[in-house]
């Protein structure tokens, strides 16, 4: 069994910062790609950032220069540092991990964490 736990969301003023984390636990052999997605009210879910097992990163144009994705492999954890937050960053943020475990290789989603950027 694999479980993902997210944390770090909340209410922040425009220009502020938050750091999200997503930790995986269970019978995990390895984790390949890790990513963060978000879904704003009334909109489709969109990719925010991804990081490969080798550390290569990819970002949505809307967050480049403001957000940083990173990973701690021994802790099976992925982070999203969000700086210079804007009201349009308000959304539910979810992590997605490609995990190889006792049940094979699957994609797992976190439970989602709400980020609200408002004054």
N, C-alpha and C. Protein backbone atom coordinates (compact mmCIF):
# COMPACT_ATOMS: atom_id res chain seq x y z
N UNK A 1 0.85 -1.19 0.00
CA UNK A 1 0.00 0.00 0.00
C UNK A 1 0.88 1.24 0.00
N UNK A 2 0.49 2.21 -0.79
CA UNK A 2 1.21 3.47 -0.88
C UNK A 2 0.26 4.59 -0.47
N UNK A 3 0.76 5.49 0.34
CA UNK A 3 -0.03 6.64 0.76
C UNK A 3 0.75 7.92 0.51
N UNK A 4 0.04 8.96 0.08
CA UNK A 4 0.62 10.28 -0.13
C UNK A 4 -0.04 11.25 0.82
N UNK A 5 0.77 12.08 1.46
CA UNK A 5 0.25 13.09 2.37
C UNK A 5 0.82 14.45 1.97
N UNK A 6 -0.08 15.38 1.71
CA UNK A 6 0.32 16.74 1.34
C UNK A 6 0.16 17.67 2.53
N UNK A 7 0.95 18.73 2.52
CA UNK A 7 0.82 19.76 3.54
C UNK A 7 1.36 21.07 3.01
N UNK A 8 1.03 22.16 3.70
CA UNK A 8 1.62 23.45 3.38
C UNK A 8 0.70 24.48 2.76
N UNK A 9 -0.51 24.11 2.43
CA UNK A 9 -1.41 25.09 1.84
C UNK A 9 -1.91 26.08 2.88
N UNK A 10 -2.66 27.07 2.39
CA UNK A 10 -3.22 28.05 3.31
C UNK A 10 -3.56 29.34 2.62
N UNK A 11 -3.80 30.36 3.44
CA UNK A 11 -4.15 31.70 2.95
C UNK A 11 -2.92 32.59 3.04
N UNK A 12 -2.63 33.28 1.96
CA UNK A 12 -1.46 34.16 1.92
C UNK A 12 -1.81 35.41 1.13
N UNK A 13 -1.19 36.50 1.48
CA UNK A 13 -1.42 37.75 0.75
C UNK A 13 -0.65 37.76 -0.57
N UNK A 14 -1.11 38.51 -1.52
CA UNK A 14 -0.36 38.64 -2.78
C UNK A 14 1.08 39.08 -2.51
N UNK A 15 2.00 38.44 -3.22
CA UNK A 15 3.41 38.70 -3.00
C UNK A 15 4.05 37.81 -1.97
N UNK A 16 3.25 37.06 -1.27
CA UNK A 16 3.75 36.18 -0.22
C UNK A 16 4.27 34.85 -0.77
N UNK A 17 4.65 33.98 0.17
CA UNK A 17 5.24 32.70 -0.18
C UNK A 17 4.60 31.57 0.60
N UNK A 18 4.61 30.40 0.01
CA UNK A 18 4.19 29.17 0.66
C UNK A 18 5.08 28.05 0.15
N UNK A 19 5.24 27.02 0.97
CA UNK A 19 5.93 25.82 0.51
C UNK A 19 5.04 24.62 0.75
N UNK A 20 4.76 23.91 -0.34
CA UNK A 20 3.97 22.69 -0.28
C UNK A 20 4.91 21.49 -0.21
N UNK A 21 4.46 20.46 0.47
CA UNK A 21 5.21 19.21 0.49
C UNK A 21 4.27 18.05 0.27
N UNK A 22 4.82 16.99 -0.26
CA UNK A 22 4.05 15.77 -0.54
C UNK A 22 4.98 14.60 -0.25
N UNK A 23 4.60 13.79 0.74
CA UNK A 23 5.43 12.66 1.15
C UNK A 23 4.72 11.35 0.88
N UNK A 24 5.48 10.41 0.35
CA UNK A 24 4.94 9.09 0.06
C UNK A 24 5.48 8.09 1.07
N UNK A 25 4.62 7.15 1.45
CA UNK A 25 5.04 6.10 2.37
C UNK A 25 4.44 4.78 1.93
N UNK A 26 5.03 3.70 2.42
CA UNK A 26 4.55 2.37 2.05
C UNK A 26 5.67 1.53 1.49
N UNK A 27 5.29 0.47 0.83
CA UNK A 27 6.28 -0.47 0.27
C UNK A 27 6.77 0.04 -1.08
N UNK A 28 7.60 1.07 -1.04
CA UNK A 28 8.06 1.77 -2.23
C UNK A 28 9.46 1.30 -2.61
N UNK A 29 9.63 0.93 -3.86
CA UNK A 29 10.95 0.57 -4.36
C UNK A 29 11.67 1.80 -4.92
N UNK A 30 10.95 2.57 -5.70
CA UNK A 30 11.54 3.77 -6.28
C UNK A 30 10.43 4.72 -6.73
N UNK A 31 10.79 5.98 -6.90
CA UNK A 31 9.86 6.98 -7.41
C UNK A 31 10.48 7.63 -8.62
N UNK A 32 9.77 7.63 -9.71
CA UNK A 32 10.29 8.22 -10.94
C UNK A 32 9.91 9.70 -10.97
N UNK A 33 9.01 10.07 -11.81
CA UNK A 33 8.64 11.48 -11.92
C UNK A 33 7.75 11.91 -10.76
N UNK A 34 7.92 13.16 -10.37
CA UNK A 34 7.08 13.79 -9.35
C UNK A 34 6.56 15.09 -9.94
N UNK A 35 5.34 15.42 -9.60
CA UNK A 35 4.79 16.65 -10.16
C UNK A 35 3.74 17.28 -9.29
N UNK A 36 3.51 18.56 -9.58
CA UNK A 36 2.43 19.31 -8.91
C UNK A 36 1.47 19.80 -9.98
N UNK A 37 0.18 19.68 -9.66
CA UNK A 37 -0.89 20.15 -10.53
C UNK A 37 -1.80 21.04 -9.69
N UNK A 38 -2.59 21.84 -10.37
CA UNK A 38 -3.55 22.67 -9.64
C UNK A 38 -4.85 22.79 -10.42
N UNK A 39 -5.91 23.01 -9.67
CA UNK A 39 -7.22 23.20 -10.28
C UNK A 39 -7.92 24.35 -9.58
N UNK A 40 -8.18 25.39 -10.34
CA UNK A 40 -8.90 26.54 -9.82
C UNK A 40 -10.40 26.32 -10.03
N UNK A 41 -11.22 27.00 -9.26
CA UNK A 41 -12.68 26.84 -9.41
C UNK A 41 -13.13 27.12 -10.84
N UNK A 42 -13.88 26.19 -11.40
CA UNK A 42 -14.42 26.38 -12.73
C UNK A 42 -13.43 26.15 -13.86
N UNK A 43 -12.23 25.70 -13.52
CA UNK A 43 -11.21 25.47 -14.54
C UNK A 43 -10.73 24.03 -14.52
N UNK A 44 -10.09 23.64 -15.61
CA UNK A 44 -9.52 22.30 -15.67
C UNK A 44 -8.22 22.24 -14.87
N UNK A 45 -7.88 21.04 -14.46
CA UNK A 45 -6.60 20.85 -13.76
C UNK A 45 -5.46 21.12 -14.74
N UNK A 46 -4.43 21.78 -14.25
CA UNK A 46 -3.30 22.10 -15.10
C UNK A 46 -1.99 21.72 -14.41
N UNK A 47 -1.01 21.44 -15.25
CA UNK A 47 0.32 21.12 -14.76
C UNK A 47 0.98 22.38 -14.23
N UNK A 48 1.62 22.26 -13.06
CA UNK A 48 2.37 23.38 -12.50
C UNK A 48 3.86 23.16 -12.70
N UNK A 49 4.34 21.99 -12.26
CA UNK A 49 5.77 21.71 -12.37
C UNK A 49 6.00 20.22 -12.21
N UNK A 50 7.07 19.74 -12.84
CA UNK A 50 7.46 18.34 -12.69
C UNK A 50 8.97 18.25 -12.47
N UNK A 51 9.38 17.13 -11.89
CA UNK A 51 10.81 16.88 -11.69
C UNK A 51 11.05 15.39 -11.89
N UNK A 52 12.06 15.07 -12.67
CA UNK A 52 12.36 13.67 -12.93
C UNK A 52 13.25 13.10 -11.83
N UNK A 53 13.48 11.80 -11.90
CA UNK A 53 14.35 11.16 -10.92
C UNK A 53 15.78 11.72 -11.01
N UNK A 54 16.14 12.21 -12.17
CA UNK A 54 17.47 12.78 -12.36
C UNK A 54 17.56 14.24 -11.98
N UNK A 55 16.42 14.84 -11.63
CA UNK A 55 16.43 16.23 -11.21
C UNK A 55 16.08 17.24 -12.27
N UNK A 56 15.75 16.79 -13.47
CA UNK A 56 15.33 17.73 -14.51
C UNK A 56 13.93 18.26 -14.20
N UNK A 57 13.77 19.56 -14.38
CA UNK A 57 12.50 20.21 -14.02
C UNK A 57 11.82 20.81 -15.23
N UNK A 58 10.51 20.97 -15.08
CA UNK A 58 9.69 21.60 -16.11
C UNK A 58 8.61 22.41 -15.41
N UNK A 59 8.35 23.62 -15.93
CA UNK A 59 7.38 24.50 -15.28
C UNK A 59 6.37 25.05 -16.29
N UNK A 60 5.17 25.29 -15.80
CA UNK A 60 4.20 26.03 -16.60
C UNK A 60 4.72 27.46 -16.77
N UNK A 61 4.44 28.05 -17.91
CA UNK A 61 4.92 29.40 -18.17
C UNK A 61 4.45 30.39 -17.10
N UNK A 62 3.26 30.16 -16.58
CA UNK A 62 2.67 31.10 -15.63
C UNK A 62 3.39 31.13 -14.29
N UNK A 63 4.22 30.11 -14.00
CA UNK A 63 4.88 30.07 -12.70
C UNK A 63 6.41 30.15 -12.81
N UNK A 64 6.92 30.15 -14.02
CA UNK A 64 8.38 30.21 -14.20
C UNK A 64 8.96 31.44 -13.52
N UNK A 65 10.05 31.21 -12.80
CA UNK A 65 10.70 32.32 -12.09
C UNK A 65 10.13 32.60 -10.72
N UNK A 66 8.97 32.02 -10.43
CA UNK A 66 8.34 32.24 -9.12
C UNK A 66 8.26 30.97 -8.28
N UNK A 67 8.04 29.83 -8.93
CA UNK A 67 7.90 28.56 -8.24
C UNK A 67 9.15 27.70 -8.48
N UNK A 68 9.48 26.89 -7.48
CA UNK A 68 10.59 25.96 -7.60
C UNK A 68 10.17 24.60 -7.07
N UNK A 69 10.32 23.58 -7.91
CA UNK A 69 10.04 22.22 -7.48
C UNK A 69 11.36 21.55 -7.11
N UNK A 70 11.33 20.74 -6.06
CA UNK A 70 12.51 20.00 -5.64
C UNK A 70 12.07 18.69 -5.01
N UNK A 71 13.04 17.80 -4.83
CA UNK A 71 12.70 16.50 -4.25
C UNK A 71 13.78 16.05 -3.29
N UNK A 72 13.34 15.28 -2.30
CA UNK A 72 14.25 14.65 -1.34
C UNK A 72 14.03 13.15 -1.47
N UNK A 73 14.89 12.51 -2.22
CA UNK A 73 14.67 11.10 -2.52
C UNK A 73 14.67 10.19 -1.30
N UNK A 74 15.61 10.33 -0.36
CA UNK A 74 15.57 9.45 0.83
C UNK A 74 14.27 9.60 1.63
N UNK A 75 13.65 10.77 1.55
CA UNK A 75 12.40 11.00 2.28
C UNK A 75 11.17 10.77 1.41
N UNK A 76 11.37 10.40 0.14
CA UNK A 76 10.24 10.19 -0.78
C UNK A 76 9.30 11.40 -0.78
N UNK A 77 9.89 12.56 -0.85
CA UNK A 77 9.13 13.80 -0.72
C UNK A 77 9.43 14.76 -1.86
N UNK A 78 8.39 15.42 -2.31
CA UNK A 78 8.53 16.48 -3.32
C UNK A 78 8.01 17.77 -2.71
N UNK A 79 8.67 18.87 -3.05
CA UNK A 79 8.31 20.18 -2.53
C UNK A 79 7.97 21.12 -3.67
N UNK A 80 7.17 22.12 -3.35
CA UNK A 80 6.91 23.21 -4.29
C UNK A 80 7.03 24.51 -3.51
N UNK A 81 8.10 25.23 -3.75
CA UNK A 81 8.29 26.54 -3.14
C UNK A 81 7.64 27.57 -4.05
N UNK A 82 6.69 28.30 -3.49
CA UNK A 82 5.93 29.27 -4.28
C UNK A 82 6.20 30.67 -3.73
N UNK A 83 6.80 31.49 -4.54
CA UNK A 83 7.10 32.88 -4.17
C UNK A 83 6.33 33.84 -5.05
N UNK A 84 6.27 35.09 -4.61
CA UNK A 84 5.58 36.14 -5.38
C UNK A 84 4.20 35.68 -5.82
N UNK A 85 3.46 35.14 -4.89
CA UNK A 85 2.16 34.58 -5.22
C UNK A 85 1.19 35.65 -5.68
N UNK A 86 0.33 35.24 -6.62
CA UNK A 86 -0.67 36.13 -7.21
C UNK A 86 -2.06 35.57 -6.95
N UNK A 87 -3.07 36.40 -6.97
CA UNK A 87 -4.44 35.88 -6.78
C UNK A 87 -4.78 34.77 -7.77
N UNK A 88 -4.25 34.84 -8.97
CA UNK A 88 -4.56 33.80 -9.97
C UNK A 88 -3.89 32.47 -9.67
N UNK A 89 -3.03 32.42 -8.64
CA UNK A 89 -2.46 31.15 -8.21
C UNK A 89 -3.40 30.40 -7.26
N UNK A 90 -4.50 31.02 -6.89
CA UNK A 90 -5.47 30.38 -6.01
C UNK A 90 -6.02 29.12 -6.67
N UNK A 91 -5.92 28.00 -5.97
CA UNK A 91 -6.34 26.72 -6.53
C UNK A 91 -6.13 25.63 -5.48
N UNK A 92 -6.64 24.45 -5.80
CA UNK A 92 -6.29 23.25 -5.04
C UNK A 92 -5.08 22.62 -5.73
N UNK A 93 -4.01 22.45 -4.98
CA UNK A 93 -2.77 21.91 -5.51
C UNK A 93 -2.67 20.43 -5.11
N UNK A 94 -2.34 19.59 -6.09
CA UNK A 94 -2.23 18.16 -5.85
C UNK A 94 -0.91 17.65 -6.40
N UNK A 95 -0.30 16.73 -5.66
CA UNK A 95 0.93 16.12 -6.16
C UNK A 95 0.59 14.82 -6.88
N UNK A 96 1.45 14.47 -7.81
CA UNK A 96 1.32 13.22 -8.55
C UNK A 96 2.68 12.57 -8.62
N UNK A 97 2.77 11.33 -8.17
CA UNK A 97 4.04 10.62 -8.14
C UNK A 97 3.94 9.32 -8.91
N UNK A 98 4.94 9.06 -9.71
CA UNK A 98 5.02 7.77 -10.42
C UNK A 98 5.87 6.84 -9.55
N UNK A 99 5.20 5.87 -8.94
CA UNK A 99 5.84 5.05 -7.91
C UNK A 99 5.90 3.60 -8.35
N UNK A 100 7.06 3.00 -8.13
CA UNK A 100 7.24 1.57 -8.34
C UNK A 100 7.24 0.91 -6.98
N UNK A 101 6.24 0.09 -6.73
CA UNK A 101 6.09 -0.54 -5.42
C UNK A 101 5.83 -2.02 -5.60
N UNK A 102 5.41 -2.66 -4.52
CA UNK A 102 5.15 -4.09 -4.56
C UNK A 102 4.01 -4.44 -5.51
N UNK A 103 3.17 -3.44 -5.83
CA UNK A 103 2.04 -3.70 -6.73
C UNK A 103 2.37 -3.28 -8.15
N UNK A 104 3.58 -2.88 -8.42
CA UNK A 104 3.98 -2.47 -9.75
C UNK A 104 4.15 -0.97 -9.86
N UNK A 105 4.20 -0.48 -11.12
CA UNK A 105 4.42 0.94 -11.36
C UNK A 105 3.08 1.62 -11.59
N UNK A 106 2.76 2.60 -10.74
CA UNK A 106 1.49 3.32 -10.85
C UNK A 106 1.69 4.79 -10.54
N UNK A 107 0.71 5.58 -10.97
CA UNK A 107 0.66 6.99 -10.60
C UNK A 107 -0.28 7.18 -9.42
N UNK A 108 0.18 7.94 -8.45
CA UNK A 108 -0.61 8.19 -7.26
C UNK A 108 -0.81 9.70 -7.10
N UNK A 109 -2.01 10.05 -6.61
CA UNK A 109 -2.35 11.45 -6.37
C UNK A 109 -2.45 11.73 -4.87
N UNK A 110 -2.00 12.92 -4.50
CA UNK A 110 -2.22 13.37 -3.14
C UNK A 110 -3.66 13.82 -2.96
N UNK A 111 -4.01 14.13 -1.71
CA UNK A 111 -5.39 14.48 -1.40
C UNK A 111 -5.74 15.90 -1.81
N UNK A 112 -4.74 16.70 -2.12
CA UNK A 112 -4.97 18.09 -2.51
C UNK A 112 -4.89 19.02 -1.31
N UNK A 113 -4.32 20.19 -1.55
CA UNK A 113 -4.22 21.20 -0.50
C UNK A 113 -4.61 22.55 -1.09
N UNK A 114 -5.43 23.28 -0.37
CA UNK A 114 -5.96 24.55 -0.87
C UNK A 114 -4.96 25.67 -0.66
N UNK A 115 -4.75 26.43 -1.72
CA UNK A 115 -3.94 27.65 -1.65
C UNK A 115 -4.84 28.82 -2.04
N UNK A 116 -4.93 29.79 -1.17
CA UNK A 116 -5.73 30.99 -1.43
C UNK A 116 -4.82 32.20 -1.33
N UNK A 117 -4.78 32.96 -2.40
CA UNK A 117 -3.96 34.18 -2.42
C UNK A 117 -4.92 35.36 -2.48
N UNK A 118 -4.99 36.08 -1.37
CA UNK A 118 -5.95 37.16 -1.28
C UNK A 118 -5.52 38.17 -0.22
N UNK A 119 -5.88 39.40 -0.45
CA UNK A 119 -5.60 40.43 0.55
C UNK A 119 -6.81 40.64 1.45
